[in-house]
């Protein structure tokens, strides 16, 4: 009962949601709680629907969600892919692992990237521009953006368990708001997520200015 009341109180304080949220988790996190990805996706759907129905909010809701798994869990990605694919029943799932890409479902865009590296992504962008014989003096931020695999900038990057971030989205997340939770991924709760969303709306974003 107390948990339910606290979650309700937190929700009432949220009127401005980030457009895109990114969670960075590691192999142990994924092995401990593979079903948590589906649960977090459902939280995003729920809070977006709630905020939209309660003025004075003018938020468009959470439009995109990313889960980066730094390395495959023990036994390889096949061990947790069924849990990941379940997301496609409540959202539009874009699953990237190895050289494979799968797209299923409809709704909010959810990206699950397994073992992807931001430095490798930037290196591949440069290689592709070289193969396309792009003149050096025409290369700018917009052109590099167009060569990226993951073409979005998360408003919020969350790392549970208090560990360090990976280099995933190293270009895209330069102006993101970073949140480090001391709660391990397995025990990360809806109220922990709501706290982060509440704190996000109180931050003044400067975008490097």
Protein backbone atom coordinates (compact mmCIF):
# COMPACT_ATOMS: atom_id res chain seq x y z
CA UNK A 1 0.00 0.00 0.00
CA UNK A 2 2.79 2.46 0.91
CA UNK A 3 4.65 1.63 -2.33
CA UNK A 4 1.50 2.26 -4.37
CA UNK A 5 0.87 5.60 -2.66
CA UNK A 6 4.48 6.69 -3.16
CA UNK A 7 4.36 5.81 -6.87
CA UNK A 8 1.14 7.78 -7.22
CA UNK A 9 2.68 10.80 -5.47
CA UNK A 10 5.72 10.69 -7.75
CA UNK A 11 3.58 10.45 -10.89
CA UNK A 12 1.67 13.57 -9.88
CA UNK A 13 4.94 15.51 -9.80
CA UNK A 14 5.87 14.61 -13.39
CA UNK A 15 4.64 16.89 -16.16
CA UNK A 16 7.57 16.94 -18.59
CA UNK A 17 8.94 13.68 -19.97
CA UNK A 18 12.15 13.09 -21.95
CA UNK A 19 11.62 12.19 -25.58
CA UNK A 20 14.18 9.39 -25.57
CA UNK A 21 15.54 7.34 -22.67
CA UNK A 22 18.59 5.06 -22.79
CA UNK A 23 19.45 2.34 -20.27
CA UNK A 24 22.97 0.91 -20.21
CA UNK A 25 23.23 -2.55 -18.69
CA UNK A 26 25.88 -5.26 -18.70
CA UNK A 27 25.87 -9.01 -19.27
CA UNK A 28 25.36 -9.86 -15.61
CA UNK A 29 22.40 -7.47 -15.40
CA UNK A 30 20.83 -9.16 -18.40
CA UNK A 31 21.43 -12.65 -17.04
CA UNK A 32 19.96 -11.71 -13.66
CA UNK A 33 16.77 -10.11 -14.98
CA UNK A 34 16.15 -10.54 -18.72
CA UNK A 35 12.43 -9.85 -18.24
CA UNK A 36 13.16 -6.35 -16.86
CA UNK A 37 13.49 -4.90 -20.39
CA UNK A 38 9.84 -5.72 -21.10
CA UNK A 39 8.82 -4.33 -17.71
CA UNK A 40 10.65 -1.03 -18.23
CA UNK A 41 9.05 -0.70 -21.66
CA UNK A 42 5.62 -1.11 -20.08
CA UNK A 43 6.56 1.55 -17.48
CA UNK A 44 7.37 4.01 -20.28
CA UNK A 45 4.06 3.32 -21.98
CA UNK A 46 2.21 3.74 -18.68
CA UNK A 47 3.83 7.00 -17.57
CA UNK A 48 3.44 8.51 -21.06
CA UNK A 49 -0.29 7.69 -21.04
CA UNK A 50 -0.68 9.03 -17.50
CA UNK A 51 1.08 12.34 -18.16
CA UNK A 52 -0.84 12.88 -21.40
CA UNK A 53 -4.15 12.67 -19.50
CA UNK A 54 -3.21 15.07 -16.73
CA UNK A 55 -2.90 18.79 -17.54
CA UNK A 56 -1.04 21.11 -17.48
CA UNK A 57 1.32 18.66 -19.16
CA UNK A 58 2.09 19.36 -22.80
CA UNK A 59 4.59 16.50 -23.04
CA UNK A 60 4.50 14.30 -26.12
CA UNK A 61 5.52 11.36 -23.95
CA UNK A 62 8.48 9.03 -24.19
CA UNK A 63 8.81 8.38 -27.92
CA UNK A 64 11.95 6.24 -27.87
CA UNK A 65 13.66 3.81 -25.51
CA UNK A 66 17.07 2.16 -25.88
CA UNK A 67 18.64 -0.72 -23.98
CA UNK A 68 22.34 -1.22 -24.54
CA UNK A 69 23.75 -4.56 -23.37
CA UNK A 70 27.51 -4.09 -23.21
CA UNK A 71 28.39 -7.75 -23.82
CA UNK A 72 26.35 -10.87 -24.49
CA UNK A 73 25.23 -12.73 -21.41
CA UNK A 74 26.78 -16.10 -20.60
CA UNK A 75 25.81 -18.55 -23.31
CA UNK A 76 25.51 -15.83 -25.95
CA UNK A 77 22.57 -13.60 -26.94
CA UNK A 78 20.36 -16.58 -27.80
CA UNK A 79 19.93 -17.15 -24.05
CA UNK A 80 17.95 -13.95 -23.58
CA UNK A 81 16.56 -13.17 -27.05
CA UNK A 82 13.11 -14.66 -26.26
CA UNK A 83 12.75 -12.21 -23.36
CA UNK A 84 13.87 -9.33 -25.60
CA UNK A 85 11.52 -10.26 -28.45
CA UNK A 86 8.57 -10.07 -26.05
CA UNK A 87 8.95 -6.28 -26.22
CA UNK A 88 7.57 -6.48 -29.76
CA UNK A 89 4.14 -7.28 -28.28
CA UNK A 90 3.82 -3.81 -26.69
CA UNK A 91 6.17 -1.61 -28.76
CA UNK A 92 8.09 -1.38 -32.03
CA UNK A 93 11.23 -3.40 -31.32
CA UNK A 94 14.49 -2.80 -33.20
CA UNK A 95 16.87 -5.56 -32.13
CA UNK A 96 20.55 -5.33 -33.10
CA UNK A 97 22.97 -8.14 -32.30
CA UNK A 98 26.05 -9.13 -34.26
CA UNK A 99 25.28 -8.51 -37.92
CA UNK A 100 21.58 -9.14 -37.38
CA UNK A 101 18.74 -6.62 -37.20
CA UNK A 102 15.13 -7.51 -36.41
CA UNK A 103 12.13 -5.17 -36.43
CA UNK A 104 8.80 -6.28 -34.96
CA UNK A 105 5.70 -4.78 -33.39
CA UNK A 106 4.16 -1.31 -33.36
CA UNK A 107 4.09 1.62 -30.98
CA UNK A 108 6.93 3.36 -29.16
CA UNK A 109 10.33 2.77 -30.77
CA UNK A 110 12.49 0.49 -28.60
CA UNK A 111 16.07 -0.28 -29.59
CA UNK A 112 17.94 -3.19 -28.03
CA UNK A 113 21.61 -3.12 -29.00
CA UNK A 114 23.71 -6.10 -27.91
CA UNK A 115 27.49 -5.68 -27.74
CA UNK A 116 27.56 -2.51 -29.86
CA UNK A 117 30.40 -0.03 -29.49
CA UNK A 118 30.21 3.72 -30.03
CA UNK A 119 33.83 3.91 -31.15
CA UNK A 120 33.24 1.15 -33.68
CA UNK A 121 30.16 3.00 -34.95
CA UNK A 122 32.14 6.22 -35.47
CA UNK A 123 34.98 4.29 -37.14
CA UNK A 124 32.50 2.65 -39.51
CA UNK A 125 31.03 6.08 -40.34
CA UNK A 126 34.48 7.31 -41.38
CA UNK A 127 35.08 4.19 -43.47
CA UNK A 128 31.75 4.59 -45.24
CA UNK A 129 32.45 8.25 -45.99
CA UNK A 130 35.86 7.23 -47.39
CA UNK A 131 34.24 4.55 -49.57
CA UNK A 132 31.74 7.16 -50.77
CA UNK A 133 34.67 9.49 -51.56
CA UNK A 134 33.18 12.31 -49.47
CA UNK A 135 35.35 15.47 -49.84
CA UNK A 136 37.03 16.30 -46.52
CA UNK A 137 35.89 19.94 -46.53
CA UNK A 138 32.22 18.86 -46.74
CA UNK A 139 32.33 16.76 -43.56
CA UNK A 140 30.38 18.38 -40.70
CA UNK A 141 28.23 17.22 -37.78
CA UNK A 142 25.12 16.85 -39.91
CA UNK A 143 26.91 14.67 -42.45
CA UNK A 144 28.35 12.43 -39.73
CA UNK A 145 24.89 12.15 -38.17
CA UNK A 146 23.56 10.86 -41.49
CA UNK A 147 26.09 8.01 -41.47
CA UNK A 148 25.31 6.82 -37.96
CA UNK A 149 23.58 3.50 -37.32
CA UNK A 150 21.66 4.89 -34.33
CA UNK A 151 20.35 8.28 -35.45
CA UNK A 152 18.89 9.80 -32.33
CA UNK A 153 20.08 11.71 -29.27
CA UNK A 154 18.83 10.37 -25.93
CA UNK A 155 17.62 13.00 -23.48
CA UNK A 156 18.38 10.72 -20.53
CA UNK A 157 21.03 8.01 -20.09
CA UNK A 158 20.57 5.74 -17.07
CA UNK A 159 23.11 3.34 -15.59
CA UNK A 160 21.87 1.15 -12.76
CA UNK A 161 24.12 -0.42 -10.17
CA UNK A 162 26.39 2.63 -9.91
CA UNK A 163 28.85 1.31 -12.51
CA UNK A 164 30.57 3.32 -15.24
CA UNK A 165 29.01 4.01 -18.65
CA UNK A 166 30.09 2.29 -21.85
CA UNK A 167 31.10 4.08 -25.04
CA UNK A 168 27.76 3.29 -26.72
CA UNK A 169 26.19 6.40 -28.32
CA UNK A 170 29.39 8.27 -27.51
CA UNK A 171 28.58 10.83 -30.22
CA UNK A 172 24.81 10.97 -29.73
CA UNK A 173 24.78 11.31 -25.93
CA UNK A 174 27.18 14.24 -25.58
CA UNK A 175 24.34 16.50 -24.34
CA UNK A 176 22.31 13.81 -22.56
CA UNK A 177 21.40 14.05 -18.89
CA UNK A 178 23.21 11.24 -17.02
CA UNK A 179 21.73 9.38 -14.06
CA UNK A 180 23.53 6.76 -11.99
CA UNK A 181 21.35 4.61 -9.78
CA UNK A 182 22.80 2.68 -6.84
CA UNK A 183 20.02 0.12 -7.29
CA UNK A 184 21.10 -2.98 -9.22
CA UNK A 185 19.20 -3.66 -12.44
CA UNK A 186 17.48 -6.73 -10.99
CA UNK A 187 15.98 -4.64 -8.17
CA UNK A 188 15.34 -1.46 -10.18
CA UNK A 189 11.71 -0.52 -9.52
CA UNK A 190 9.03 1.65 -11.07
CA UNK A 191 9.48 4.22 -8.27
CA UNK A 192 13.23 4.37 -9.00
CA UNK A 193 12.39 5.18 -12.62
CA UNK A 194 9.82 7.78 -11.58
CA UNK A 195 12.38 9.47 -9.33
CA UNK A 196 14.75 9.84 -12.27
CA UNK A 197 11.98 11.30 -14.45
CA UNK A 198 11.04 13.74 -11.69
CA UNK A 199 14.65 14.84 -11.28
CA UNK A 200 15.12 15.13 -15.05
CA UNK A 201 12.43 17.78 -15.40
CA UNK A 202 14.12 19.90 -12.73
CA UNK A 203 17.41 20.06 -14.61
CA UNK A 204 18.25 23.02 -16.83
CA UNK A 205 19.56 21.62 -20.09
CA UNK A 206 22.22 23.77 -21.76
CA UNK A 207 23.19 21.53 -24.70
CA UNK A 208 26.83 22.55 -24.38
CA UNK A 209 26.15 26.30 -24.20
